[in-house]
Protein backbone atom coordinates (compact mmCIF):
# COMPACT_ATOMS: atom_id res chain seq x y z
CA MET A 1 -43.63 -96.52 1.27
CA LYS A 2 -45.62 -97.68 -1.76
CA ALA A 3 -46.81 -94.03 -2.43
CA LYS A 4 -43.12 -92.89 -2.66
CA LYS A 5 -42.37 -95.63 -5.08
CA LYS A 6 -45.40 -94.66 -7.17
CA GLU A 7 -44.42 -90.98 -7.20
CA LYS A 8 -40.89 -91.88 -8.39
CA LYS A 9 -42.31 -93.95 -11.20
CA GLU A 10 -44.61 -91.18 -12.32
CA GLU A 11 -41.65 -88.62 -12.20
CA LYS A 12 -39.51 -91.02 -14.40
CA LYS A 13 -42.27 -91.45 -16.91
CA ALA A 14 -42.94 -87.58 -17.02
CA SER A 15 -39.34 -86.85 -17.60
CA ALA A 16 -39.05 -89.52 -20.26
CA LYS A 17 -41.91 -88.04 -22.12
CA LYS A 18 -40.37 -84.60 -22.50
CA VAL A 19 -39.84 -83.76 -25.99
CA PRO A 20 -36.71 -81.84 -26.89
CA THR A 21 -37.51 -78.30 -27.91
CA LYS A 22 -36.83 -77.27 -31.41
CA GLY A 23 -35.11 -74.08 -31.98
CA LYS A 24 -31.65 -72.61 -32.59
CA LYS A 25 -28.78 -75.03 -32.91
CA SER A 26 -25.85 -74.44 -30.76
CA SER A 27 -23.36 -72.22 -32.40
CA ASN A 28 -20.67 -74.71 -30.97
CA THR A 29 -21.85 -77.11 -33.64
CA GLY A 30 -20.39 -75.01 -36.38
CA LEU A 31 -17.10 -74.73 -34.65
CA LYS A 32 -17.03 -78.40 -34.11
CA VAL A 33 -17.60 -79.11 -37.68
CA ALA A 34 -14.93 -76.61 -38.75
CA GLY A 35 -12.45 -78.15 -36.33
CA GLY A 36 -13.11 -81.48 -37.54
CA VAL A 37 -12.65 -80.47 -41.15
CA LEU A 38 -9.40 -78.72 -40.25
CA ALA A 39 -8.15 -81.76 -38.17
CA GLY A 40 -8.99 -84.05 -41.05
CA ALA A 41 -7.19 -81.77 -43.65
CA ALA A 42 -4.26 -81.58 -41.50
CA ALA A 43 -4.00 -85.37 -40.95
CA GLY A 44 -4.46 -85.95 -44.63
CA ALA A 45 -1.61 -83.38 -45.52
CA ILE A 46 0.65 -84.94 -43.00
CA ALA A 47 -0.10 -88.50 -44.03
CA GLY A 48 0.60 -87.55 -47.67
CA ILE A 49 3.91 -86.04 -46.84
CA LEU A 50 5.00 -88.87 -44.64
CA LEU A 51 4.08 -91.47 -47.26
CA ALA A 52 5.71 -89.59 -50.17
CA PRO A 53 9.11 -90.71 -51.03
CA ASP A 54 11.61 -87.94 -49.87
CA SER A 55 14.50 -87.64 -47.47
CA GLY A 56 13.95 -87.15 -43.93
CA LYS A 57 15.31 -83.54 -43.88
CA ASN A 58 13.03 -82.48 -46.67
CA THR A 59 10.05 -84.22 -45.16
CA ARG A 60 10.55 -82.51 -41.74
CA LYS A 61 10.95 -79.15 -43.62
CA LYS A 62 7.58 -79.81 -45.50
CA ILE A 63 5.79 -80.85 -42.10
CA ALA A 64 7.21 -77.50 -40.40
CA LYS A 65 6.00 -75.39 -43.45
CA ASN A 66 2.47 -77.03 -43.58
CA THR A 67 2.03 -76.85 -39.91
CA LYS A 68 2.85 -73.04 -39.87
CA GLU A 69 0.51 -72.44 -42.75
CA LYS A 70 -2.39 -74.42 -41.16
CA ALA A 71 -1.66 -72.65 -37.73
CA ALA A 72 -1.94 -69.23 -39.39
CA GLU A 73 -5.23 -70.29 -41.11
CA VAL A 74 -6.72 -71.50 -37.86
CA LYS A 75 -5.57 -68.38 -36.03
CA LYS A 76 -7.11 -66.25 -38.69
CA LYS A 77 -10.44 -68.01 -38.61
CA VAL A 78 -10.66 -68.19 -34.83
CA GLY A 79 -9.85 -64.43 -34.63
CA LYS A 80 -12.77 -63.79 -37.07
CA LYS A 81 -15.24 -65.98 -34.97
CA VAL A 82 -14.03 -64.28 -31.84
CA SER A 83 -14.68 -60.82 -33.32
CA GLU A 84 -18.09 -61.83 -34.42
CA ALA A 85 -18.92 -63.14 -31.12
CA LYS A 86 -17.70 -59.89 -29.51
CA ALA A 87 -19.85 -58.00 -31.80
CA LYS A 88 -22.94 -60.05 -31.07
CA ILE A 89 -22.37 -59.81 -27.40
CA LYS A 90 -22.07 -56.06 -27.57
CA SER A 91 -25.23 -55.78 -29.54
CA LYS A 92 -27.15 -57.97 -27.06
CA VAL A 93 -25.77 -55.85 -24.23
CA ALA A 94 -26.89 -52.65 -25.80
CA GLU A 95 -30.33 -54.08 -26.63
CA LYS A 96 -30.72 -55.08 -22.83
CA LYS A 97 -29.60 -51.64 -21.71
CA ALA A 98 -32.00 -49.97 -24.16
CA LYS A 99 -34.96 -52.14 -22.79
CA LYS A 100 -34.13 -51.21 -19.11
CA LYS A 101 -34.35 -47.50 -20.00
């Protein structure tokens, strides 16, 4: 019984001592940052519009216009990232096929 407890303690110590590997950062990090920046910009724009003195009808038009513009920007950026990812995947697949031959 004591031997099992000792083994478990040693395993915990060994797993705690593992140092994270240094290397490439995840490509998701850039997407998260870009998404955060876009969300912040959108929130700022909406807050600015809502706090500006204007009639409700004009404010709704401005919000709709800004939302469409931001959606188009996001769609364009996401499309670009998807195209880049596709190209990268295709090149990796081609490399692996070439290595197999």
